C-alpha atoms as a PDB file:
ATOM      1  CA  UNK A   1     134.493  88.226  81.639  1.00  0.00           C
ATOM      2  CA  UNK A   2     133.420  91.186  83.744  1.00  0.00           C
ATOM      3  CA  UNK A   3     134.418  93.728  81.097  1.00  0.00           C
ATOM      4  CA  UNK A   4     132.642  91.723  78.386  1.00  0.00           C
ATOM      5  CA  UNK A   5     129.381  91.670  80.346  1.00  0.00           C
ATOM      6  CA  UNK A   6     129.724  95.360  81.200  1.00  0.00           C
ATOM      7  CA  UNK A   7     130.065  96.112  77.485  1.00  0.00           C
ATOM      8  CA  UNK A   8     127.056  93.945  76.577  1.00  0.00           C
ATOM      9  CA  UNK A   9     125.040  95.607  79.338  1.00  0.00           C
ATOM     10  CA  UNK A  10     125.937  99.067  78.020  1.00  0.00           C
ATOM     11  CA  UNK A  11     124.525  98.237  74.575  1.00  0.00           C
ATOM     12  CA  UNK A  12     120.991  97.708  75.932  1.00  0.00           C
ATOM     13  CA  UNK A  13     118.884 100.877  76.045  1.00  0.00           C
ATOM     14  CA  UNK A  14     116.575  99.294  78.631  1.00  0.00           C
ATOM     15  CA  UNK A  15     119.469  98.293  80.901  1.00  0.00           C
ATOM     16  CA  UNK A  16     120.921 101.813  80.641  1.00  0.00           C
ATOM     17  CA  UNK A  17     117.531 103.381  81.487  1.00  0.00           C
ATOM     18  CA  UNK A  18     117.103 101.052  84.473  1.00  0.00           C
ATOM     19  CA  UNK A  19     120.647 101.675  85.629  1.00  0.00           C
ATOM     20  CA  UNK A  20     121.698  98.022  85.699  1.00  0.00           C
ATOM     21  CA  UNK A  21     125.359  97.684  86.636  1.00  0.00           C
ATOM     22  CA  UNK A  22     127.280  94.442  86.252  1.00  0.00           C
ATOM     23  CA  UNK A  23     129.278  94.116  89.468  1.00  0.00           C
ATOM     24  CA  UNK A  24     130.572  90.549  89.239  1.00  0.00           C
ATOM     25  CA  UNK A  25     131.114  87.917  86.575  1.00  0.00           C
ATOM     26  CA  UNK A  26     132.760  84.534  86.911  1.00  0.00           C
ATOM     27  CA  UNK A  27     132.317  81.281  85.056  1.00  0.00           C
ATOM     28  CA  UNK A  28     128.636  80.407  85.489  1.00  0.00           C
ATOM     29  CA  UNK A  29     127.857  83.377  87.740  1.00  0.00           C
ATOM     30  CA  UNK A  30     126.906  87.038  87.441  1.00  0.00           C
ATOM     31  CA  UNK A  31     125.696  89.870  89.654  1.00  0.00           C
ATOM     32  CA  UNK A  32     123.784  93.062  88.836  1.00  0.00           C
ATOM     33  CA  UNK A  33     122.867  96.053  90.931  1.00  0.00           C
ATOM     34  CA  UNK A  34     120.271  98.747  90.376  1.00  0.00           C
ATOM     35  CA  UNK A  35     119.548 101.865  92.422  1.00  0.00           C
ATOM     36  CA  UNK A  36     115.835 102.348  93.110  1.00  0.00           C
ATOM     37  CA  UNK A  37     114.114 105.441  91.697  1.00  0.00           C
ATOM     38  CA  UNK A  38     110.646 105.815  93.182  1.00  0.00           C
ATOM     39  CA  UNK A  39     109.616 108.352  90.535  1.00  0.00           C
ATOM     40  CA  UNK A  40     109.636 105.837  87.677  1.00  0.00           C
ATOM     41  CA  UNK A  41     110.286 102.328  89.073  1.00  0.00           C
ATOM     42  CA  UNK A  42     107.599 101.951  91.727  1.00  0.00           C
ATOM     43  CA  UNK A  43     104.235 100.309  91.413  1.00  0.00           C
ATOM     44  CA  UNK A  44     101.131 101.929  92.921  1.00  0.00           C
ATOM     45  CA  UNK A  45     102.104 101.158  96.569  1.00  0.00           C
ATOM     46  CA  UNK A  46     105.686 102.376  96.188  1.00  0.00           C
ATOM     47  CA  UNK A  47     107.461  99.002  95.888  1.00  0.00           C
ATOM     48  CA  UNK A  48     109.737  98.031  93.003  1.00  0.00           C
ATOM     49  CA  UNK A  49     107.512  97.097  90.057  1.00  0.00           C
ATOM     50  CA  UNK A  50     107.317  93.352  89.335  1.00  0.00           C
ATOM     51  CA  UNK A  51     108.297  94.039  85.717  1.00  0.00           C
ATOM     52  CA  UNK A  52     111.662  95.316  86.909  1.00  0.00           C
ATOM     53  CA  UNK A  53     111.996  92.382  89.294  1.00  0.00           C
ATOM     54  CA  UNK A  54     111.511  90.053  86.324  1.00  0.00           C
ATOM     55  CA  UNK A  55     113.871  92.083  84.157  1.00  0.00           C
ATOM     56  CA  UNK A  56     116.682  91.915  86.710  1.00  0.00           C
ATOM     57  CA  UNK A  57     116.242  88.173  87.264  1.00  0.00           C
ATOM     58  CA  UNK A  58     116.038  87.454  83.525  1.00  0.00           C
ATOM     59  CA  UNK A  59     119.076  89.603  82.758  1.00  0.00           C
ATOM     60  CA  UNK A  60     121.290  88.165  85.481  1.00  0.00           C
ATOM     61  CA  UNK A  61     120.370  84.604  84.446  1.00  0.00           C
ATOM     62  CA  UNK A  62     121.247  85.492  80.846  1.00  0.00           C
ATOM     63  CA  UNK A  63     124.557  87.019  81.864  1.00  0.00           C
ATOM     64  CA  UNK A  64     125.441  84.003  84.032  1.00  0.00           C
ATOM     65  CA  UNK A  65     124.572  81.668  81.144  1.00  0.00           C
ATOM     66  CA  UNK A  66     126.551  83.836  78.739  1.00  0.00           C
ATOM     67  CA  UNK A  67     129.719  83.263  80.746  1.00  0.00           C
ATOM     68  CA  UNK A  68     129.628  79.573  79.804  1.00  0.00           C
ATOM     69  CA  UNK A  69     127.603  79.445  76.577  1.00  0.00           C
ATOM     70  CA  UNK A  70     128.218  82.722  74.722  1.00  0.00           C
ATOM     71  CA  UNK A  71     125.192  84.544  73.311  1.00  0.00           C
ATOM     72  CA  UNK A  72     121.914  83.233  74.710  1.00  0.00           C
ATOM     73  CA  UNK A  73     118.200  83.994  74.553  1.00  0.00           C
ATOM     74  CA  UNK A  74     115.626  83.098  77.181  1.00  0.00           C
ATOM     75  CA  UNK A  75     113.140  80.476  76.061  1.00  0.00           C
ATOM     76  CA  UNK A  76     111.408  80.367  79.444  1.00  0.00           C
ATOM     77  CA  UNK A  77     111.670  82.134  82.759  1.00  0.00           C
ATOM     78  CA  UNK A  78     109.653  82.261  85.941  1.00  0.00           C
ATOM     79  CA  UNK A  79     109.580  84.664  88.858  1.00  0.00           C
ATOM     80  CA  UNK A  80     108.592  84.122  92.479  1.00  0.00           C
ATOM     81  CA  UNK A  81     107.942  87.313  94.455  1.00  0.00           C
ATOM     82  CA  UNK A  82     108.587  86.476  98.105  1.00  0.00           C
ATOM     83  CA  UNK A  83     108.222  89.854  99.810  1.00  0.00           C
ATOM     84  CA  UNK A  84     107.486  93.471  98.884  1.00  0.00           C
ATOM     85  CA  UNK A  85     110.538  94.791  97.061  1.00  0.00           C
ATOM     86  CA  UNK A  86     111.454  97.769  99.232  1.00  0.00           C
ATOM     87  CA  UNK A  87     115.048  98.907  99.003  1.00  0.00           C
ATOM     88  CA  UNK A  88     117.526 101.621  98.172  1.00  0.00           C
ATOM     89  CA  UNK A  89     119.478  99.271  95.896  1.00  0.00           C
ATOM     90  CA  UNK A  90     118.564  95.910  94.391  1.00  0.00           C
ATOM     91  CA  UNK A  91     121.121  93.151  93.877  1.00  0.00           C
ATOM     92  CA  UNK A  92     120.477  90.226  91.534  1.00  0.00           C
ATOM     93  CA  UNK A  93     122.732  87.171  91.706  1.00  0.00           C
ATOM     94  CA  UNK A  94     122.517  84.516  89.025  1.00  0.00           C
ATOM     95  CA  UNK A  95     124.200  81.177  88.543  1.00  0.00           C
ATOM     96  CA  UNK A  96     124.141  78.371  86.037  1.00  0.00           C
ATOM     97  CA  UNK A  97     122.566  75.196  87.396  1.00  0.00           C
ATOM     98  CA  UNK A  98     123.350  73.080  84.316  1.00  0.00           C
ATOM     99  CA  UNK A  99     124.764  73.990  80.941  1.00  0.00           C
ATOM    100  CA  UNK A 100     124.120  71.746  77.979  1.00  0.00           C
ATOM    101  CA  UNK A 101     124.742  72.237  74.268  1.00  0.00           C
ATOM    102  CA  UNK A 102     121.154  73.252  73.501  1.00  0.00           C
ATOM    103  CA  UNK A 103     119.873  74.607  76.830  1.00  0.00           C
ATOM    104  CA  UNK A 104     121.303  76.351  79.863  1.00  0.00           C
ATOM    105  CA  UNK A 105     119.404  76.232  83.137  1.00  0.00           C
ATOM    106  CA  UNK A 106     119.991  79.177  85.460  1.00  0.00           C
ATOM    107  CA  UNK A 107     118.668  80.374  88.797  1.00  0.00           C
ATOM    108  CA  UNK A 108     118.698  83.832  90.379  1.00  0.00           C
ATOM    109  CA  UNK A 109     117.914  85.626  93.599  1.00  0.00           C
ATOM    110  CA  UNK A 110     116.992  89.283  94.043  1.00  0.00           C
ATOM    111  CA  UNK A 111     117.875  91.101  97.244  1.00  0.00           C
ATOM    112  CA  UNK A 112     116.702  94.494  98.485  1.00  0.00           C
ATOM    113  CA  UNK A 113     119.448  96.429 100.229  1.00  0.00           C
ATOM    114  CA  UNK A 114     118.680  99.007 102.891  1.00  0.00           C
ATOM    115  CA  UNK A 115     121.838 100.315 104.501  1.00  0.00           C
ATOM    116  CA  UNK A 116     123.923  97.229 105.179  1.00  0.00           C
ATOM    117  CA  UNK A 117     120.956  94.854 105.414  1.00  0.00           C
ATOM    118  CA  UNK A 118     119.975  92.510 102.570  1.00  0.00           C
ATOM    119  CA  UNK A 119     116.542  90.929 102.265  1.00  0.00           C
ATOM    120  CA  UNK A 120     115.632  88.241  99.736  1.00  0.00           C
ATOM    121  CA  UNK A 121     112.575  89.534  97.861  1.00  0.00           C
ATOM    122  CA  UNK A 122     112.349  87.332  94.742  1.00  0.00           C
ATOM    123  CA  UNK A 123     113.766  84.302  92.978  1.00  0.00           C
ATOM    124  CA  UNK A 124     113.699  83.218  89.374  1.00  0.00           C
ATOM    125  CA  UNK A 125     114.569  80.352  87.078  1.00  0.00           C
ATOM    126  CA  UNK A 126     115.401  80.555  83.400  1.00  0.00           C
ATOM    127  CA  UNK A 127     116.017  78.241  80.499  1.00  0.00           C
ATOM    128  CA  UNK A 128     118.258  79.866  77.924  1.00  0.00           C
ATOM    129  CA  UNK A 129     119.293  78.705  74.478  1.00  0.00           C
ATOM    130  CA  UNK A 130     122.636  79.474  72.843  1.00  0.00           C
ATOM    131  CA  UNK A 131     122.314  81.513  69.644  1.00  0.00           C
ATOM    132  CA  UNK A 132     124.790  82.546  66.989  1.00  0.00           C
ATOM    133  CA  UNK A 133     126.000  86.135  66.874  1.00  0.00           C
ATOM    134  CA  UNK A 134     124.312  88.375  64.322  1.00  0.00           C
END
């Protein structure tokens, strides 16, 4: 599973630019990491841009859903920013809440890592739909 998600991740130009790395994959779960680059990832006050927060949460939910449902597309996702995203590395952890035949419900958390400390900075929920390979 881990190698499959790493391969899928490597095919996305956006994920490569952002530096997303798949670090864990199990049935119904996935984890991504991303090193922060202030030069092109920060918003005006120097925190991780909310667009990247959303991208990490969306991607990790999709990868978690993919472990149980194959290829999926998001039909809805929401993001809750809980604290300024200040970190050296960001870790997104996603898990499937419920997988049906037509929809997969997933939830994710985003942590900012500074040294050995983790701080929860955002959460997200996604509804994904299985799609056929093209």
